[in-house]
Amino acid sequence: MSVTQHAEPAVTAPPAPGPRETDGRTAQRPLILRLLARPEVGVFLGAVAVYVFFLVAAPPVRDGSSMANVLYQSSTIGIMALPVALLMIGGEFDLSAGVAVITSALTASMFAFQLSMNVWAGVLLALLVSLAIGFLNGWLVVRTGLPSFLITLGSFLILQGVNLAVTKLVTGNVATDDISDMDGFGQAKKVFANSFEVAGVQIKITIVYWLVFAALATWVLLRTRYGNWIFAVGGNKDSARAVGVPVTFTKISLFMLVGFGAWFVGMHNLFSFNTVQSGEGVGQELIYISAAVIGGCLLTGGAGSAIGPVFGAFMFGMVQQGIVYAGWNPDWFKAFLGVMLLGAVLINLYIQRTATRR
């Protein structure tokens, strides 16, 4: 008698549903932590801390006209900090930015005055010169492969020497001549150095330009192909080139954008004070770069925003004017500024590490 055994098909019951496991990378973190992980949020909190500090330490800051002065000081830094920040996101930085501002102002002033021309001719020539300096810096960086630190350090020294030597040669002095009575001066002043009244407070036009440029830079970074190119070449230029990003065009155009910013601020200085000191501008490049770094731009490139440097520039302006309103010895300005900025960086770093911790 044989017994035939038929094997029943194996059926595996599905496991009971339970909590889904995550590895920490795909889990949705709370909104507050995601916000704190953004570099511009950290510098915003640092700017608020500096503002509150001077509200307590320097009561004149509470006045509307005093805050207008703070914003004006911040705007003259912030306008240049924006293109410097974009350049840093693109993986480079420019040490000649500070003296390039003075170069543009000297060019416009001396060209118009010495040739007795309308000041707008000097303004246009200064724009061409500033763009040419930016182009040369970018072209040398791309063609030689040398670090932008070395290239722009050379440009810094050259421009510093040329500013002094040419001004003395042409004017016989270390400053340019007063151009306030020349044709076109009034029109140019309205464009670059005008002011208007809001609630009884005089507001400098550079504050408006600063905010408009910041909004435009943010749109370019987040909503345009060019913005993607900036992040790509800053992250890894070889990989960017492999996927079709025009690396050479992007880098050179970013240096030229710094040149445009130098021209704009230079024109503001010229038409605000009617004359220019040829030895100024030295050290300003470090303030522009610091404002960008405080705003979350990495020195290694590939990361950053346009909003962060806005708050970084505000911190500089707040400290610079706050010390004056507090009645403190201005000799301590640099030291106090360094302490405040270092504290803001450490706070920013702590917040980011806390927000991104698993």
Protein backbone atom coordinates (compact mmCIF):
# COMPACT_ATOMS: atom_id res chain seq x y z
CA MET A 1 0.00 0.00 0.00
CA SER A 2 1.49 3.23 -1.04
CA VAL A 3 0.77 6.58 0.38
CA THR A 4 1.15 9.49 -1.94
CA GLN A 5 1.85 12.75 -0.21
CA HIS A 6 0.95 15.95 -1.99
CA ALA A 7 2.96 18.98 -0.91
CA GLU A 8 0.78 21.93 -0.09
CA PRO A 9 1.98 25.20 -1.60
CA ALA A 10 3.78 27.27 0.94
CA VAL A 11 1.96 30.44 1.74
CA THR A 12 3.70 33.12 3.75
CA ALA A 13 1.40 35.51 5.43
CA PRO A 14 2.40 39.14 5.04
CA PRO A 15 3.86 40.70 8.17
CA ALA A 16 1.58 42.79 10.27
CA PRO A 17 1.90 46.46 9.51
CA GLY A 18 4.06 48.30 12.01
CA PRO A 19 5.96 51.52 12.36
CA ARG A 20 8.07 52.32 9.30
CA GLU A 21 11.79 52.32 9.96
CA THR A 22 13.91 55.19 8.70
CA ASP A 23 17.61 55.75 8.68
CA GLY A 24 17.43 59.40 9.74
CA ARG A 25 18.20 60.76 6.30
CA THR A 26 14.75 60.43 4.78
CA ALA A 27 12.79 61.20 7.92
CA GLN A 28 10.93 64.47 7.86
CA ARG A 29 12.52 66.69 10.47
CA PRO A 30 10.55 69.37 12.28
CA LEU A 31 10.16 72.65 10.42
CA ILE A 32 12.12 74.60 13.04
CA LEU A 33 15.15 72.34 12.61
CA ARG A 34 15.00 72.59 8.83
CA LEU A 35 14.90 76.37 9.10
CA LEU A 36 17.82 76.51 11.55
CA ALA A 37 19.89 74.36 9.19
CA ARG A 38 19.87 77.18 6.64
CA PRO A 39 22.92 79.47 7.05
CA GLU A 40 20.97 82.68 6.52
CA VAL A 41 18.76 81.88 9.51
CA GLY A 42 21.76 81.65 11.81
CA VAL A 43 23.21 84.97 10.66
CA PHE A 44 19.75 86.53 10.95
CA LEU A 45 19.64 85.53 14.61
CA GLY A 46 23.16 86.91 15.06
CA ALA A 47 22.12 90.21 13.46
CA VAL A 48 19.10 90.39 15.77
CA ALA A 49 21.39 89.82 18.76
CA VAL A 50 23.72 92.63 17.69
CA TYR A 51 20.77 94.95 17.09
CA VAL A 52 19.23 94.23 20.49
CA PHE A 53 22.61 94.69 22.16
CA PHE A 54 23.02 98.20 20.78
CA LEU A 55 19.41 99.08 21.46
CA VAL A 56 20.29 98.61 25.12
CA ALA A 57 23.88 99.89 25.07
CA ALA A 58 23.32 102.88 22.76
CA PRO A 59 19.91 104.56 23.26
CA PRO A 60 20.39 106.94 20.27
CA VAL A 61 20.07 103.89 18.01
CA ARG A 62 16.36 103.87 18.80
CA ASP A 63 15.92 107.11 16.88
CA GLY A 64 14.73 106.81 13.28
CA SER A 65 17.50 108.97 11.84
CA SER A 66 20.13 106.89 13.65
CA MET A 67 18.75 103.66 12.22
CA ALA A 68 18.73 105.28 8.77
CA ASN A 69 22.45 105.95 9.21
CA VAL A 70 23.01 102.32 10.24
CA LEU A 71 21.16 101.08 7.17
CA TYR A 72 23.09 103.48 4.95
CA GLN A 73 26.41 102.25 6.30
CA SER A 74 25.22 98.66 5.83
CA SER A 75 24.10 99.34 2.26
CA THR A 76 27.50 100.61 1.11
CA ILE A 77 28.99 97.36 2.39
CA GLY A 78 26.10 95.17 1.30
CA ILE A 79 26.03 96.28 -2.33
CA MET A 80 29.59 95.01 -2.75
CA ALA A 81 29.11 92.00 -0.49
CA LEU A 82 26.46 90.61 -2.87
CA PRO A 83 28.65 90.10 -5.97
CA VAL A 84 31.52 89.01 -3.72
CA ALA A 85 29.19 86.39 -2.23
CA LEU A 86 28.14 85.14 -5.67
CA LEU A 87 31.80 84.88 -6.64
CA MET A 88 32.54 82.90 -3.47
CA ILE A 89 29.64 80.54 -4.18
CA GLY A 90 31.29 80.06 -7.57
CA GLY A 91 34.47 78.93 -5.81
CA GLU A 92 36.60 82.11 -6.06
CA PHE A 93 37.13 85.38 -4.22
CA ASP A 94 38.52 88.80 -5.07
CA LEU A 95 41.04 90.62 -2.90
CA SER A 96 41.07 93.65 -5.19
CA ALA A 97 37.40 94.54 -4.61
CA GLY A 98 38.14 97.30 -2.08
CA VAL A 99 40.68 99.27 -4.10
CA ALA A 100 38.69 98.63 -7.31
CA VAL A 101 35.94 100.82 -5.83
CA ILE A 102 38.40 103.71 -5.53
CA THR A 103 39.84 103.01 -8.98
CA SER A 104 36.41 103.46 -10.57
CA ALA A 105 35.78 106.71 -8.71
CA LEU A 106 39.23 108.10 -9.56
CA THR A 107 38.80 107.19 -13.22
CA ALA A 108 35.44 108.93 -13.54
CA SER A 109 36.56 112.04 -11.68
CA MET A 110 39.93 112.62 -13.34
CA PHE A 111 38.75 111.80 -16.86
CA ALA A 112 35.83 114.21 -16.68
CA PHE A 113 37.69 117.00 -14.87
CA GLN A 114 40.96 116.96 -16.76
CA LEU A 115 39.25 116.85 -20.16
CA SER A 116 36.45 119.24 -19.12
CA MET A 117 33.79 116.77 -20.20
CA ASN A 118 30.32 115.94 -18.94
CA VAL A 119 30.67 113.76 -15.84
CA TRP A 120 28.61 111.03 -17.50
CA ALA A 121 31.51 110.44 -19.89
CA GLY A 122 33.69 109.71 -16.88
CA VAL A 123 30.99 107.47 -15.39
CA LEU A 124 30.78 105.36 -18.56
CA LEU A 125 34.56 105.12 -18.88
CA ALA A 126 34.80 104.05 -15.23
CA LEU A 127 32.25 101.30 -15.92
CA LEU A 128 34.34 100.00 -18.82
CA VAL A 129 37.50 100.09 -16.71
CA SER A 130 35.84 98.26 -13.80
CA LEU A 131 34.43 95.56 -16.07
CA ALA A 132 37.82 95.20 -17.76
CA ILE A 133 39.54 94.68 -14.39
CA GLY A 134 36.99 92.01 -13.49
CA PHE A 135 37.40 90.35 -16.89
CA LEU A 136 41.20 90.32 -16.58
CA ASN A 137 41.05 88.80 -13.10
CA GLY A 138 38.65 86.09 -14.23
CA TRP A 139 40.52 85.37 -17.45
CA LEU A 140 43.83 84.98 -15.63
CA VAL A 141 42.27 82.65 -13.04
CA VAL A 142 40.72 80.45 -15.73
CA ARG A 143 43.69 80.45 -18.11
CA THR A 144 46.47 79.91 -15.57
CA GLY A 145 44.67 77.71 -13.06
CA LEU A 146 46.30 79.69 -10.26
CA PRO A 147 44.31 80.34 -7.09
CA SER A 148 42.22 83.49 -7.27
CA PHE A 149 43.92 84.53 -4.02
CA LEU A 150 47.22 85.02 -5.86
CA ILE A 151 45.76 86.61 -8.99
CA THR A 152 43.63 89.14 -7.14
CA LEU A 153 46.35 89.86 -4.59
CA GLY A 154 48.47 90.96 -7.52
CA SER A 155 45.57 93.06 -8.82
CA PHE A 156 45.15 94.60 -5.37
CA LEU A 157 48.78 95.71 -5.23
CA ILE A 158 48.77 97.00 -8.80
CA LEU A 159 45.58 99.01 -8.36
CA GLN A 160 46.72 100.40 -5.01
CA GLY A 161 49.95 101.67 -6.56
CA VAL A 162 48.28 102.97 -9.72
CA ASN A 163 45.62 104.82 -7.74
CA LEU A 164 48.23 106.75 -5.78
CA ALA A 165 50.79 107.29 -8.54
CA VAL A 166 48.40 108.35 -11.30
CA THR A 167 46.40 110.65 -9.03
CA LYS A 168 49.56 112.46 -7.91
CA LEU A 169 50.79 112.64 -11.52
CA VAL A 170 47.54 114.05 -12.90
CA THR A 171 46.31 116.28 -10.06
CA GLY A 172 49.52 116.95 -8.16
CA ASN A 173 47.76 115.79 -5.02
CA VAL A 174 46.57 112.58 -3.35
CA ALA A 175 42.92 113.49 -3.98
CA THR A 176 40.93 114.39 -7.06
CA ASP A 177 39.53 117.85 -7.77
CA ASP A 178 36.01 118.86 -6.80
CA ILE A 179 33.64 118.13 -9.70
CA SER A 180 30.41 119.43 -8.12
CA ASP A 181 30.14 122.36 -10.58
CA MET A 182 30.60 120.28 -13.73
CA ASP A 183 27.95 119.45 -16.32
CA GLY A 184 25.90 116.38 -15.48
CA PHE A 185 26.90 116.29 -11.83
CA GLY A 186 23.38 117.00 -10.55
CA GLN A 187 21.85 114.26 -12.67
CA ALA A 188 24.48 111.72 -11.67
CA LYS A 189 24.09 112.63 -8.02
CA LYS A 190 20.35 111.92 -8.23
CA VAL A 191 21.08 108.46 -9.63
CA PHE A 192 23.93 107.37 -7.36
CA ALA A 193 23.75 109.50 -4.19
CA ASN A 194 20.22 110.82 -3.83
CA SER A 195 18.14 110.74 -0.65
CA PHE A 196 14.43 111.00 0.08
CA GLU A 197 12.31 111.57 3.13
CA VAL A 198 10.12 108.97 4.84
CA ALA A 199 8.20 109.98 7.98
CA GLY A 200 10.59 112.84 8.55
CA VAL A 201 13.71 110.66 8.18
CA GLN A 202 16.20 111.07 5.33
CA ILE A 203 16.77 107.75 3.55
CA LYS A 204 19.75 107.26 1.24
CA ILE A 205 18.99 105.79 -2.18
CA THR A 206 21.72 103.17 -1.69
CA ILE A 207 19.47 101.39 0.82
CA VAL A 208 16.88 100.87 -1.92
CA TYR A 209 19.53 99.72 -4.40
CA TRP A 210 20.91 97.31 -1.80
CA LEU A 211 17.55 95.61 -1.24
CA VAL A 212 16.74 95.52 -4.97
CA PHE A 213 20.12 93.98 -5.80
CA ALA A 214 19.65 91.42 -3.01
CA ALA A 215 16.23 90.41 -4.38
CA LEU A 216 17.65 90.18 -7.91
CA ALA A 217 20.63 88.09 -6.78
CA THR A 218 18.32 85.74 -4.86
CA TRP A 219 16.13 85.28 -7.93
CA VAL A 220 19.18 84.59 -10.11
CA LEU A 221 20.54 81.98 -7.69
CA LEU A 222 17.26 80.14 -7.12
CA ARG A 223 15.31 80.57 -10.34
CA THR A 224 17.72 80.75 -13.27
CA ARG A 225 20.04 78.45 -15.16
CA TYR A 226 22.89 80.85 -14.46
CA GLY A 227 22.29 80.38 -10.74
CA ASN A 228 22.62 76.61 -11.19
CA TRP A 229 25.87 77.18 -13.04
CA ILE A 230 27.25 79.25 -10.14
CA PHE A 231 26.57 76.48 -7.62
CA ALA A 232 27.89 73.83 -10.03
CA VAL A 233 31.25 75.48 -10.78
CA GLY A 234 31.71 76.24 -7.09
CA GLY A 235 31.00 72.66 -6.08
CA ASN A 236 33.13 70.88 -8.67
CA LYS A 237 34.12 72.66 -11.85
CA ASP A 238 35.30 69.48 -13.61
CA SER A 239 31.99 67.73 -13.02
CA ALA A 240 30.16 70.89 -14.04
CA ARG A 241 32.10 71.08 -17.29
CA ALA A 242 31.37 67.40 -17.95
CA VAL A 243 27.62 68.05 -17.89
CA GLY A 244 27.84 71.07 -20.16
CA VAL A 245 28.17 74.00 -17.76
CA PRO A 246 30.16 76.87 -19.36
CA VAL A 247 32.73 77.10 -16.59
CA THR A 248 34.92 79.73 -18.24
CA PHE A 249 32.00 82.06 -18.98
CA THR A 250 30.54 81.62 -15.50
CA LYS A 251 33.74 82.38 -13.61
CA ILE A 252 34.75 85.36 -15.76
CA SER A 253 31.24 86.83 -15.58
CA LEU A 254 31.28 86.54 -11.78
CA PHE A 255 34.52 88.51 -11.60
CA MET A 256 33.01 91.10 -13.93
CA LEU A 257 29.98 91.26 -11.65
CA VAL A 258 32.33 92.22 -8.80
CA GLY A 259 33.71 94.88 -11.13
CA PHE A 260 30.19 96.21 -11.69
CA GLY A 261 29.62 96.40 -7.95
CA ALA A 262 32.92 98.25 -7.49
CA TRP A 263 31.86 100.73 -10.17
CA PHE A 264 28.47 101.33 -8.58
CA VAL A 265 29.83 101.92 -5.07
CA GLY A 266 32.65 104.04 -6.51
CA MET A 267 30.13 106.28 -8.26
CA HIS A 268 28.19 106.64 -5.04
CA ASN A 269 31.33 107.70 -3.19
CA LEU A 270 32.29 110.18 -5.88
CA PHE A 271 28.91 111.90 -6.11
CA SER A 272 28.39 111.87 -2.36
CA PHE A 273 31.66 113.65 -1.51
CA ASN A 274 32.53 115.34 -4.85
CA THR A 275 36.14 114.20 -4.53
CA VAL A 276 38.04 110.96 -3.88
CA GLN A 277 41.09 110.14 -1.76
CA SER A 278 43.39 107.89 -3.78
CA GLY A 279 44.64 105.90 -0.79
CA GLU A 280 41.23 104.71 0.39
CA GLY A 281 39.71 101.26 -0.12
CA VAL A 282 42.51 99.22 1.44
CA GLY A 283 41.02 96.71 3.87
CA GLN A 284 37.46 97.03 2.56
CA GLU A 285 37.82 93.79 0.59
CA LEU A 286 38.14 91.90 3.88
CA ILE A 287 34.90 93.46 5.12
CA TYR A 288 33.08 92.43 1.93
CA ILE A 289 34.42 88.88 2.16
CA SER A 290 33.66 88.70 5.90
CA ALA A 291 30.07 89.83 5.34
CA ALA A 292 29.67 87.04 2.79
CA VAL A 293 31.28 84.43 5.04
CA ILE A 294 29.17 85.50 8.01
CA GLY A 295 26.18 85.20 5.68
CA GLY A 296 26.89 81.51 5.12
CA CYS A 297 29.07 81.49 1.97
CA LEU A 298 31.80 78.87 2.13
CA LEU A 299 35.38 79.75 1.20
CA THR A 300 35.50 76.43 -0.65
CA GLY A 301 32.55 77.40 -2.84
CA GLY A 302 29.35 75.63 -3.84
CA ALA A 303 27.18 76.87 -0.96
CA GLY A 304 25.65 80.11 0.18
CA SER A 305 22.87 82.59 -0.53
CA ALA A 306 22.28 86.24 -1.33
CA ILE A 307 20.13 86.86 1.74
CA GLY A 308 22.79 85.83 4.26
CA PRO A 309 25.27 88.55 3.19
CA VAL A 310 22.50 91.13 3.61
CA PHE A 311 22.34 90.32 7.32
CA GLY A 312 26.14 90.09 7.44
CA ALA A 313 26.45 93.61 6.05
CA PHE A 314 23.83 94.84 8.51
CA MET A 315 25.92 93.49 11.39
CA PHE A 316 28.94 95.45 10.18
CA GLY A 317 26.92 98.64 9.80
CA MET A 318 25.24 98.16 13.17
CA VAL A 319 28.53 97.68 15.00
CA GLN A 320 30.30 100.51 13.19
CA GLN A 321 27.59 103.06 13.91
CA GLY A 322 26.57 101.55 17.26
CA ILE A 323 29.99 102.23 18.77
CA VAL A 324 29.67 105.89 17.77
CA TYR A 325 26.19 106.23 19.23
CA ALA A 326 27.28 104.46 22.42
CA GLY A 327 30.03 107.07 22.88
CA TRP A 328 32.79 104.49 23.15
CA ASN A 329 36.40 104.98 22.15
CA PRO A 330 36.48 104.32 18.37
CA ASP A 331 39.98 102.88 18.73
CA TRP A 332 38.28 99.71 19.98
CA PHE A 333 36.12 99.41 16.88
CA LYS A 334 38.10 96.68 15.12
CA ALA A 335 38.53 94.62 18.27
CA PHE A 336 34.89 94.91 19.23
CA LEU A 337 33.80 94.14 15.69
CA GLY A 338 35.97 91.04 15.62
CA VAL A 339 34.53 89.78 18.91
CA MET A 340 30.95 90.36 17.80
CA LEU A 341 31.47 88.71 14.43
CA LEU A 342 33.33 85.74 15.88
CA GLY A 343 30.51 85.28 18.37
CA ALA A 344 27.95 85.42 15.56
CA VAL A 345 29.89 82.80 13.58
CA LEU A 346 30.09 80.47 16.57
CA ILE A 347 26.37 80.89 17.25
CA ASN A 348 25.63 80.20 13.60
CA LEU A 349 27.82 77.08 13.65
CA TYR A 350 26.21 75.81 16.86
CA ILE A 351 22.70 76.29 15.50
CA GLN A 352 23.52 74.49 12.26
CA ARG A 353 25.12 71.54 14.04
CA THR A 354 22.19 71.28 16.42
CA ALA A 355 19.68 71.46 13.57
CA THR A 356 21.40 68.83 11.44
CA ARG A 357 22.18 66.42 14.26
CA ARG A 358 20.29 63.10 13.95
